[in-house]
Each structure stands twice: as C-alpha cells, then as structure tokens.
Amino acid sequence: MEFMASLPADKKVVLVGHSFGGLAISKAMETFPEKISAAVFLSGLMPGPNINATTVYTEDLALATTLIRPCYLYRVEDVCEELVLSSKRYGSVR
C-alpha cells in the first residue's frame, strides 16, 4: 500500500495476485483504481463487495465440496475489517 501511495499520478501498474495475494490486490484496486492499468488473479482469491459472497458454477459445486479443506490463516473478522470493498469501485480495474 505504501508503494501504491508513492506512485506518481501519471504512472500505472499491473498487479498480479496469487492465492491469498488476491486479497491484497483487491484492497489496492479499491484504494488506488486510478493507478492500476490491469489486475491479474493467478489462482487467487477474488472477493467481491461482499467478502462472504462467492459464485460457483453448478457443475463445479459437487467437485468443490468434495475437495474443500478448511484452512484459516486469518480470522474472517480480521479480513472483513481490513478488506472493505465497495460496489461503486468493484469492476473499475480491468
């Protein structure tokens, strides 16, 4: 976030987030959309404006439920407090 804040107004970056890095680039996209030309989620978490909402294709649901393994690196409450995404800015970065 410090790096993004330090970028001059005429500079843009491409962000790439892998795995939990998707949360970090989502936060950067929310805070600095004008400084990002594109964002890439490489097998990364891609939260929406409501962090608890997910979209799963029906045919993938059965497979996903057999493969899911809970893995909590952070408490949901901590992530929800730090990562607040707005509907207004969601989708504003390619």
PDB file of N, CA and C in Angstrom:
ATOM      1  N   MET A   1       0.834  -1.186   0.000  1.00  0.00           N
ATOM      2  CA  MET A   1       0.000   0.000   0.000  1.00  0.00           C
ATOM      3  C   MET A   1       0.884   1.257   0.000  1.00  0.00           C
ATOM      4  N   GLU A   2       2.014   1.184   0.696  1.00  0.00           N
ATOM      5  CA  GLU A   2       2.930   2.331   0.680  1.00  0.00           C
ATOM      6  C   GLU A   2       3.464   2.574  -0.730  1.00  0.00           C
ATOM      7  N   PHE A   3       3.803   1.492  -1.429  1.00  0.00           N
ATOM      8  CA  PHE A   3       4.300   1.631  -2.796  1.00  0.00           C
ATOM      9  C   PHE A   3       3.239   2.271  -3.687  1.00  0.00           C
ATOM     10  N   MET A   4       2.008   1.789  -3.594  1.00  0.00           N
ATOM     11  CA  MET A   4       0.937   2.339  -4.423  1.00  0.00           C
ATOM     12  C   MET A   4       0.736   3.819  -4.132  1.00  0.00           C
ATOM     13  N   ALA A   5       0.777   4.180  -2.871  1.00  0.00           N
ATOM     14  CA  ALA A   5       0.600   5.584  -2.484  1.00  0.00           C
ATOM     15  C   ALA A   5       1.738   6.457  -3.020  1.00  0.00           C
ATOM     16  N   SER A   6       2.929   5.880  -3.143  1.00  0.00           N
ATOM     17  CA  SER A   6       4.086   6.660  -3.585  1.00  0.00           C
ATOM     18  C   SER A   6       4.170   6.843  -5.105  1.00  0.00           C
ATOM     19  N   LEU A   7       3.362   6.105  -5.870  1.00  0.00           N
ATOM     20  CA  LEU A   7       3.404   6.223  -7.330  1.00  0.00           C
ATOM     21  C   LEU A   7       2.956   7.610  -7.776  1.00  0.00           C
ATOM     22  N   PRO A   8       3.685   8.210  -8.709  1.00  0.00           N
ATOM     23  CA  PRO A   8       3.242   9.488  -9.265  1.00  0.00           C
ATOM     24  C   PRO A   8       1.894   9.318  -9.973  1.00  0.00           C
ATOM     25  N   ALA A   9       1.151  10.383 -10.069  1.00  0.00           N
ATOM     26  CA  ALA A   9      -0.193  10.342 -10.652  1.00  0.00           C
ATOM     27  C   ALA A   9      -0.186   9.891 -12.112  1.00  0.00           C
ATOM     28  N   ASP A  10       0.926  10.099 -12.828  1.00  0.00           N
ATOM     29  CA  ASP A  10       0.977   9.738 -14.248  1.00  0.00           C
ATOM     30  C   ASP A  10       1.474   8.308 -14.485  1.00  0.00           C
ATOM     31  N   LYS A  11       1.708   7.541 -13.442  1.00  0.00           N
ATOM     32  CA  LYS A  11       2.204   6.166 -13.568  1.00  0.00           C
ATOM     33  C   LYS A  11       1.106   5.168 -13.204  1.00  0.00           C
ATOM     34  N   LYS A  12       1.080   4.051 -13.950  1.00  0.00           N
ATOM     35  CA  LYS A  12       0.133   2.970 -13.675  1.00  0.00           C
ATOM     36  C   LYS A  12       0.901   1.659 -13.599  1.00  0.00           C
ATOM     37  N   VAL A  13       0.360   0.711 -12.849  1.00  0.00           N
ATOM     38  CA  VAL A  13       0.997  -0.593 -12.698  1.00  0.00           C
ATOM     39  C   VAL A  13       0.018  -1.705 -13.075  1.00  0.00           C
ATOM     40  N   VAL A  14       0.576  -2.879 -13.316  1.00  0.00           N
ATOM     41  CA  VAL A  14      -0.203  -4.101 -13.472  1.00  0.00           C
ATOM     42  C   VAL A  14       0.033  -4.906 -12.211  1.00  0.00           C
ATOM     43  N   LEU A  15      -1.027  -5.258 -11.516  1.00  0.00           N
ATOM     44  CA  LEU A  15      -0.911  -6.041 -10.293  1.00  0.00           C
ATOM     45  C   LEU A  15      -1.220  -7.501 -10.577  1.00  0.00           C
ATOM     46  N   VAL A  16      -0.447  -8.399  -9.977  1.00  0.00           N
ATOM     47  CA  VAL A  16      -0.681  -9.834 -10.088  1.00  0.00           C
ATOM     48  C   VAL A  16      -0.767 -10.389  -8.679  1.00  0.00           C
ATOM     49  N   GLY A  17      -1.864 -11.080  -8.402  1.00  0.00           N
ATOM     50  CA  GLY A  17      -2.057 -11.679  -7.088  1.00  0.00           C
ATOM     51  C   GLY A  17      -2.262 -13.176  -7.220  1.00  0.00           C
ATOM     52  N   HIS A  18      -1.457 -13.942  -6.495  1.00  0.00           N
ATOM     53  CA  HIS A  18      -1.574 -15.400  -6.482  1.00  0.00           C
ATOM     54  C   HIS A  18      -2.071 -15.831  -5.112  1.00  0.00           C
ATOM     55  N   SER A  19      -3.009 -16.757  -5.087  1.00  0.00           N
ATOM     56  CA  SER A  19      -3.539 -17.313  -3.847  1.00  0.00           C
ATOM     57  C   SER A  19      -4.110 -16.185  -2.981  1.00  0.00           C
ATOM     58  N   PHE A  20      -3.621 -16.066  -1.746  1.00  0.00           N
ATOM     59  CA  PHE A  20      -4.134 -15.024  -0.856  1.00  0.00           C
ATOM     60  C   PHE A  20      -3.724 -13.622  -1.313  1.00  0.00           C
ATOM     61  N   GLY A  21      -2.803 -13.540  -2.280  1.00  0.00           N
ATOM     62  CA  GLY A  21      -2.422 -12.249  -2.842  1.00  0.00           C
ATOM     63  C   GLY A  21      -3.585 -11.570  -3.547  1.00  0.00           C
ATOM     64  N   GLY A  22      -4.610 -12.354  -3.904  1.00  0.00           N
ATOM     65  CA  GLY A  22      -5.808 -11.767  -4.486  1.00  0.00           C
ATOM     66  C   GLY A  22      -6.484 -10.788  -3.539  1.00  0.00           C
ATOM     67  N   LEU A  23      -6.382 -11.060  -2.237  1.00  0.00           N
ATOM     68  CA  LEU A  23      -6.943 -10.128  -1.257  1.00  0.00           C
ATOM     69  C   LEU A  23      -6.177  -8.811  -1.263  1.00  0.00           C
ATOM     70  N   ALA A  24      -4.847  -8.905  -1.360  1.00  0.00           N
ATOM     71  CA  ALA A  24      -4.016  -7.697  -1.351  1.00  0.00           C
ATOM     72  C   ALA A  24      -4.268  -6.831  -2.576  1.00  0.00           C
ATOM     73  N   ILE A  25      -4.335  -7.451  -3.764  1.00  0.00           N
ATOM     74  CA  ILE A  25      -4.561  -6.615  -4.945  1.00  0.00           C
ATOM     75  C   ILE A  25      -5.985  -6.079  -4.986  1.00  0.00           C
ATOM     76  N   SER A  26      -6.938  -6.804  -4.378  1.00  0.00           N
ATOM     77  CA  SER A  26      -8.313  -6.286  -4.280  1.00  0.00           C
ATOM     78  C   SER A  26      -8.337  -5.017  -3.446  1.00  0.00           C
ATOM     79  N   LYS A  27      -7.592  -5.031  -2.347  1.00  0.00           N
ATOM     80  CA  LYS A  27      -7.509  -3.839  -1.486  1.00  0.00           C
ATOM     81  C   LYS A  27      -6.863  -2.686  -2.253  1.00  0.00           C
ATOM     82  N   ALA A  28      -5.789  -2.969  -2.992  1.00  0.00           N
ATOM     83  CA  ALA A  28      -5.122  -1.923  -3.774  1.00  0.00           C
ATOM     84  C   ALA A  28      -6.043  -1.379  -4.865  1.00  0.00           C
ATOM     85  N   MET A  29      -6.811  -2.256  -5.518  1.00  0.00           N
ATOM     86  CA  MET A  29      -7.740  -1.817  -6.559  1.00  0.00           C
ATOM     87  C   MET A  29      -8.837  -0.930  -5.985  1.00  0.00           C
ATOM     88  N   GLU A  30      -9.273  -1.251  -4.784  1.00  0.00           N
ATOM     89  CA  GLU A  30     -10.304  -0.438  -4.125  1.00  0.00           C
ATOM     90  C   GLU A  30      -9.749   0.940  -3.763  1.00  0.00           C
ATOM     91  N   THR A  31      -8.515   0.972  -3.288  1.00  0.00           N
ATOM     92  CA  THR A  31      -7.930   2.214  -2.781  1.00  0.00           C
ATOM     93  C   THR A  31      -7.326   3.082  -3.880  1.00  0.00           C
ATOM     94  N   PHE A  32      -6.706   2.450  -4.893  1.00  0.00           N
ATOM     95  CA  PHE A  32      -5.991   3.193  -5.932  1.00  0.00           C
ATOM     96  C   PHE A  32      -6.386   2.771  -7.351  1.00  0.00           C
ATOM     97  N   PRO A  33      -7.654   2.757  -7.724  1.00  0.00           N
ATOM     98  CA  PRO A  33      -8.027   2.274  -9.065  1.00  0.00           C
ATOM     99  C   PRO A  33      -7.415   3.096 -10.194  1.00  0.00           C
ATOM    100  N   GLU A  34      -7.168   4.368  -9.951  1.00  0.00           N
ATOM    101  CA  GLU A  34      -6.612   5.242 -10.996  1.00  0.00           C
ATOM    102  C   GLU A  34      -5.132   4.959 -11.266  1.00  0.00           C
ATOM    103  N   LYS A  35      -4.472   4.206 -10.392  1.00  0.00           N
ATOM    104  CA  LYS A  35      -3.049   3.903 -10.554  1.00  0.00           C
ATOM    105  C   LYS A  35      -2.806   2.489 -11.086  1.00  0.00           C
ATOM    106  N   ILE A  36      -3.880   1.783 -11.462  1.00  0.00           N
ATOM    107  CA  ILE A  36      -3.766   0.388 -11.892  1.00  0.00           C
ATOM    108  C   ILE A  36      -4.322   0.251 -13.307  1.00  0.00           C
ATOM    109  N   SER A  37      -3.485  -0.247 -14.226  1.00  0.00           N
ATOM    110  CA  SER A  37      -3.973  -0.434 -15.591  1.00  0.00           C
ATOM    111  C   SER A  37      -4.656  -1.782 -15.748  1.00  0.00           C
ATOM    112  N   ALA A  38      -4.245  -2.786 -14.978  1.00  0.00           N
ATOM    113  CA  ALA A  38      -4.881  -4.106 -15.014  1.00  0.00           C
ATOM    114  C   ALA A  38      -4.508  -4.881 -13.759  1.00  0.00           C
ATOM    115  N   ALA A  39      -5.357  -5.847 -13.416  1.00  0.00           N
ATOM    116  CA  ALA A  39      -5.092  -6.730 -12.286  1.00  0.00           C
ATOM    117  C   ALA A  39      -5.290  -8.165 -12.752  1.00  0.00           C
ATOM    118  N   VAL A  40      -4.396  -9.034 -12.336  1.00  0.00           N
ATOM    119  CA  VAL A  40      -4.443 -10.446 -12.725  1.00  0.00           C
ATOM    120  C   VAL A  40      -4.568 -11.288 -11.467  1.00  0.00           C
ATOM    121  N   PHE A  41      -5.597 -12.112 -11.420  1.00  0.00           N
ATOM    122  CA  PHE A  41      -5.793 -13.055 -10.321  1.00  0.00           C
ATOM    123  C   PHE A  41      -5.306 -14.408 -10.805  1.00  0.00           C
ATOM    124  N   LEU A  42      -4.105 -14.794 -10.404  1.00  0.00           N
ATOM    125  CA  LEU A  42      -3.484 -16.036 -10.834  1.00  0.00           C
ATOM    126  C   LEU A  42      -3.755 -17.094  -9.770  1.00  0.00           C
ATOM    127  N   SER A  43      -4.815 -17.866  -9.983  1.00  0.00           N
ATOM    128  CA  SER A  43      -5.264 -18.824  -8.963  1.00  0.00           C
ATOM    129  C   SER A  43      -5.420 -18.127  -7.624  1.00  0.00           C
ATOM    130  N   GLY A  44      -5.903 -16.905  -7.686  1.00  0.00           N
ATOM    131  CA  GLY A  44      -6.011 -16.092  -6.479  1.00  0.00           C
ATOM    132  C   GLY A  44      -7.439 -15.900  -6.038  1.00  0.00           C
ATOM    133  N   LEU A  45      -7.596 -15.595  -4.773  1.00  0.00           N
ATOM    134  CA  LEU A  45      -8.911 -15.255  -4.238  1.00  0.00           C
ATOM    135  C   LEU A  45      -9.365 -13.950  -4.872  1.00  0.00           C
ATOM    136  N   MET A  46     -10.618 -13.918  -5.284  1.00  0.00           N
ATOM    137  CA  MET A  46     -11.168 -12.733  -5.938  1.00  0.00           C
ATOM    138  C   MET A  46     -12.460 -12.350  -5.233  1.00  0.00           C
ATOM    139  N   PRO A  47     -12.331 -11.620  -4.121  1.00  0.00           N
ATOM    140  CA  PRO A  47     -13.529 -11.250  -3.379  1.00  0.00           C
ATOM    141  C   PRO A  47     -14.312 -10.167  -4.094  1.00  0.00           C
ATOM    142  N   GLY A  48     -15.589 -10.101  -3.780  1.00  0.00           N
ATOM    143  CA  GLY A  48     -16.445  -9.055  -4.320  1.00  0.00           C
ATOM    144  C   GLY A  48     -16.766  -8.053  -3.229  1.00  0.00           C
ATOM    145  N   PRO A  49     -17.688  -7.147  -3.499  1.00  0.00           N
ATOM    146  CA  PRO A  49     -18.054  -6.141  -2.497  1.00  0.00           C
ATOM    147  C   PRO A  49     -18.527  -6.756  -1.180  1.00  0.00           C
ATOM    148  N   ASN A  50     -19.096  -7.943  -1.233  1.00  0.00           N
ATOM    149  CA  ASN A  50     -19.478  -8.652  -0.013  1.00  0.00           C
ATOM    150  C   ASN A  50     -18.533  -9.842   0.100  1.00  0.00           C
ATOM    151  N   ILE A  51     -17.561  -9.771   1.007  1.00  0.00           N
ATOM    152  CA  ILE A  51     -16.496 -10.783   1.076  1.00  0.00           C
ATOM    153  C   ILE A  51     -17.027 -12.184   1.334  1.00  0.00           C
ATOM    154  N   ASN A  52     -18.227 -12.305   1.871  1.00  0.00           N
ATOM    155  CA  ASN A  52     -18.790 -13.622   2.131  1.00  0.00           C
ATOM    156  C   ASN A  52     -19.518 -14.203   0.927  1.00  0.00           C
ATOM    157  N   ALA A  53     -19.672 -13.410  -0.119  1.00  0.00           N
ATOM    158  CA  ALA A  53     -20.395 -13.884  -1.303  1.00  0.00           C
ATOM    159  C   ALA A  53     -19.426 -14.501  -2.295  1.00  0.00           C
ATOM    160  N   THR A  54     -19.764 -15.682  -2.782  1.00  0.00           N
ATOM    161  CA  THR A  54     -18.950 -16.326  -3.810  1.00  0.00           C
ATOM    162  C   THR A  54     -19.870 -16.828  -4.903  1.00  0.00           C
ATOM    163  N   THR A  55     -19.322 -16.980  -6.091  1.00  0.00           N
ATOM    164  CA  THR A  55     -20.078 -17.509  -7.213  1.00  0.00           C
ATOM    165  C   THR A  55     -19.431 -18.819  -7.625  1.00  0.00           C
ATOM    166  N   VAL A  56     -20.190 -19.893  -7.642  1.00  0.00           N
ATOM    167  CA  VAL A  56     -19.686 -21.207  -8.046  1.00  0.00           C
ATOM    168  C   VAL A  56     -20.628 -21.745  -9.106  1.00  0.00           C
ATOM    169  N   TYR A  57     -20.058 -22.199 -10.225  1.00  0.00           N
ATOM    170  CA  TYR A  57     -20.883 -22.802 -11.259  1.00  0.00           C
ATOM    171  C   TYR A  57     -21.479 -24.099 -10.714  1.00  0.00           C
ATOM    172  N   THR A  58     -22.721 -24.379 -11.039  1.00  0.00           N
ATOM    173  CA  THR A  58     -23.442 -25.525 -10.517  1.00  0.00           C
ATOM    174  C   THR A  58     -22.698 -26.827 -10.745  1.00  0.00           C
ATOM    175  N   GLU A  59     -22.139 -27.027 -11.952  1.00  0.00           N
ATOM    176  CA  GLU A  59     -21.455 -28.286 -12.246  1.00  0.00           C
ATOM    177  C   GLU A  59     -20.158 -28.437 -11.453  1.00  0.00           C
ATOM    178  N   ASP A  60     -19.588 -27.336 -10.971  1.00  0.00           N
ATOM    179  CA  ASP A  60     -18.362 -27.400 -10.178  1.00  0.00           C
ATOM    180  C   ASP A  60     -18.640 -27.565  -8.691  1.00  0.00           C
ATOM    181  N   LEU A  61     -19.859 -27.316  -8.266  1.00  0.00           N
ATOM    182  CA  LEU A  61     -20.176 -27.340  -6.851  1.00  0.00           C
ATOM    183  C   LEU A  61     -19.942 -28.704  -6.216  1.00  0.00           C
ATOM    184  N   ALA A  62     -20.393 -29.778  -6.865  1.00  0.00           N
ATOM    185  CA  ALA A  62     -20.216 -31.116  -6.308  1.00  0.00           C
ATOM    186  C   ALA A  62     -18.733 -31.443  -6.140  1.00  0.00           C
ATOM    187  N   LEU A  63     -17.928 -31.147  -7.156  1.00  0.00           N
ATOM    188  CA  LEU A  63     -16.494 -31.394  -7.068  1.00  0.00           C
ATOM    189  C   LEU A  63     -15.855 -30.538  -5.977  1.00  0.00           C
ATOM    190  N   ALA A  64     -16.214 -29.282  -5.939  1.00  0.00           N
ATOM    191  CA  ALA A  64     -15.620 -28.382  -4.947  1.00  0.00           C
ATOM    192  C   ALA A  64     -15.916 -28.835  -3.524  1.00  0.00           C
ATOM    193  N   THR A  65     -17.128 -29.298  -3.267  1.00  0.00           N
ATOM    194  CA  THR A  65     -17.462 -29.722  -1.907  1.00  0.00           C
ATOM    195  C   THR A  65     -16.714 -30.976  -1.490  1.00  0.00           C
ATOM    196  N   THR A  66     -16.288 -31.812  -2.440  1.00  0.00           N
ATOM    197  CA  THR A  66     -15.505 -32.995  -2.079  1.00  0.00           C
ATOM    198  C   THR A  66     -14.036 -32.659  -1.856  1.00  0.00           C
ATOM    199  N   LEU A  67     -13.574 -31.559  -2.431  1.00  0.00           N
ATOM    200  CA  LEU A  67     -12.159 -31.194  -2.329  1.00  0.00           C
ATOM    201  C   LEU A  67     -11.854 -30.151  -1.264  1.00  0.00           C
ATOM    202  N   ILE A  68     -12.880 -29.507  -0.741  1.00  0.00           N
ATOM    203  CA  ILE A  68     -12.661 -28.396   0.177  1.00  0.00           C
ATOM    204  C   ILE A  68     -12.020 -28.857   1.481  1.00  0.00           C
ATOM    205  N   ARG A  69     -11.049 -28.103   1.910  1.00  0.00           N
ATOM    206  CA  ARG A  69     -10.377 -28.338   3.177  1.00  0.00           C
ATOM    207  C   ARG A  69     -10.243 -26.989   3.871  1.00  0.00           C
ATOM    208  N   PRO A  70     -10.870 -26.838   5.024  1.00  0.00           N
ATOM    209  CA  PRO A  70     -10.757 -25.551   5.724  1.00  0.00           C
ATOM    210  C   PRO A  70      -9.302 -25.223   6.054  1.00  0.00           C
ATOM    211  N   CYS A  71      -8.915 -24.020   5.745  1.00  0.00           N
ATOM    212  CA  CYS A  71      -7.559 -23.551   6.025  1.00  0.00           C
ATOM    213  C   CYS A  71      -7.662 -22.072   6.355  1.00  0.00           C
ATOM    214  N   TYR A  72      -7.577 -21.748   7.604  1.00  0.00           N
ATOM    215  CA  TYR A  72      -7.764 -20.374   8.037  1.00  0.00           C
ATOM    216  C   TYR A  72      -6.430 -19.797   8.492  1.00  0.00           C
ATOM    217  N   LEU A  73      -5.848 -18.932   7.674  1.00  0.00           N
ATOM    218  CA  LEU A  73      -4.632 -18.250   8.070  1.00  0.00           C
ATOM    219  C   LEU A  73      -4.956 -16.991   8.860  1.00  0.00           C
ATOM    220  N   TYR A  74      -6.132 -16.445   8.612  1.00  0.00           N
ATOM    221  CA  TYR A  74      -6.580 -15.235   9.284  1.00  0.00           C
ATOM    222  C   TYR A  74      -8.014 -15.433   9.736  1.00  0.00           C
ATOM    223  N   ARG A  75      -8.365 -14.769  10.806  1.00  0.00           N
ATOM    224  CA  ARG A  75      -9.755 -14.824  11.249  1.00  0.00           C
ATOM    225  C   ARG A  75     -10.608 -14.048  10.245  1.00  0.00           C
ATOM    226  N   VAL A  76     -11.787 -14.578   9.937  1.00  0.00           N
ATOM    227  CA  VAL A  76     -12.691 -13.917   8.991  1.00  0.00           C
ATOM    228  C   VAL A  76     -12.985 -12.495   9.442  1.00  0.00           C
ATOM    229  N   GLU A  77     -13.122 -12.301  10.737  1.00  0.00           N
ATOM    230  CA  GLU A  77     -13.419 -10.966  11.265  1.00  0.00           C
ATOM    231  C   GLU A  77     -12.298  -9.988  10.932  1.00  0.00           C
ATOM    232  N   ASP A  78     -11.019 -10.443  11.036  1.00  0.00           N
ATOM    233  CA  ASP A  78      -9.888  -9.571  10.733  1.00  0.00           C
ATOM    234  C   ASP A  78      -9.853  -9.210   9.255  1.00  0.00           C
ATOM    235  N   VAL A  79     -10.087 -10.190   8.390  1.00  0.00           N
ATOM    236  CA  VAL A  79     -10.076  -9.934   6.952  1.00  0.00           C
ATOM    237  C   VAL A  79     -11.206  -8.982   6.587  1.00  0.00           C
ATOM    238  N   CYS A  80     -12.391  -9.198   7.121  1.00  0.00           N
ATOM    239  CA  CYS A  80     -13.541  -8.349   6.805  1.00  0.00           C
ATOM    240  C   CYS A  80     -13.325  -6.912   7.272  1.00  0.00           C
ATOM    241  N   GLU A  81     -12.609  -6.750   8.380  1.00  0.00           N
ATOM    242  CA  GLU A  81     -12.341  -5.411   8.890  1.00  0.00           C
ATOM    243  C   GLU A  81     -11.329  -4.679   8.010  1.00  0.00           C
ATOM    244  N   GLU A  82     -10.309  -5.390   7.551  1.00  0.00           N
ATOM    245  CA  GLU A  82      -9.250  -4.780   6.749  1.00  0.00           C
ATOM    246  C   GLU A  82      -9.648  -4.617   5.287  1.00  0.00           C
ATOM    247  N   LEU A  83     -10.394  -5.567   4.742  1.00  0.00           N
ATOM    248  CA  LEU A  83     -10.702  -5.589   3.312  1.00  0.00           C
ATOM    249  C   LEU A  83     -12.161  -5.220   3.089  1.00  0.00           C
ATOM    250  N   VAL A  84     -12.410  -3.939   2.943  1.00  0.00           N
ATOM    251  CA  VAL A  84     -13.758  -3.438   2.690  1.00  0.00           C
ATOM    252  C   VAL A  84     -13.807  -2.987   1.239  1.00  0.00           C
ATOM    253  N   LEU A  85     -14.601  -3.693   0.425  1.00  0.00           N
ATOM    254  CA  LEU A  85     -14.709  -3.386  -0.995  1.00  0.00           C
ATOM    255  C   LEU A  85     -16.077  -2.785  -1.286  1.00  0.00           C
ATOM    256  N   SER A  86     -16.109  -1.801  -2.179  1.00  0.00           N
ATOM    257  CA  SER A  86     -17.364  -1.119  -2.478  1.00  0.00           C
ATOM    258  C   SER A  86     -17.917  -1.562  -3.824  1.00  0.00           C
ATOM    259  N   SER A  87     -19.234  -1.568  -3.927  1.00  0.00           N
ATOM    260  CA  SER A  87     -19.895  -1.870  -5.202  1.00  0.00           C
ATOM    261  C   SER A  87     -19.576  -0.797  -6.239  1.00  0.00           C
ATOM    262  N   LYS A  88     -19.364   0.425  -5.781  1.00  0.00           N
ATOM    263  CA  LYS A  88     -19.079   1.542  -6.684  1.00  0.00           C
ATOM    264  C   LYS A  88     -17.777   1.326  -7.446  1.00  0.00           C
ATOM    265  N   ARG A  89     -16.744   0.827  -6.779  1.00  0.00           N
ATOM    266  CA  ARG A  89     -15.445   0.647  -7.420  1.00  0.00           C
ATOM    267  C   ARG A  89     -15.218  -0.756  -7.941  1.00  0.00           C
ATOM    268  N   TYR A  90     -16.032  -1.716  -7.539  1.00  0.00           N
ATOM    269  CA  TYR A  90     -15.859  -3.095  -7.983  1.00  0.00           C
ATOM    270  C   TYR A  90     -16.001  -3.161  -9.495  1.00  0.00           C
ATOM    271  N   GLY A  91     -15.002  -3.704 -10.154  1.00  0.00           N
ATOM    272  CA  GLY A  91     -15.018  -3.794 -11.608  1.00  0.00           C
ATOM    273  C   GLY A  91     -14.428  -2.578 -12.308  1.00  0.00           C
ATOM    274  N   SER A  92     -13.890  -1.624 -11.546  1.00  0.00           N
ATOM    275  CA  SER A  92     -13.341  -0.423 -12.161  1.00  0.00           C
ATOM    276  C   SER A  92     -11.935  -0.634 -12.737  1.00  0.00           C
ATOM    277  N   VAL A  93     -11.317  -1.764 -12.419  1.00  0.00           N
ATOM    278  CA  VAL A  93      -9.993  -2.108 -12.948  1.00  0.00           C
ATOM    279  C   VAL A  93     -10.146  -3.339 -13.831  1.00  0.00           C
ATOM    280  N   ARG A  94      -9.513  -3.318 -15.015  1.00  0.00           N
ATOM    281  CA  ARG A  94      -9.591  -4.467 -15.913  1.00  0.00           C
ATOM    282  C   ARG A  94      -8.944  -5.676 -15.270  1.00  0.00           C
TER     283      ARG A  94
END
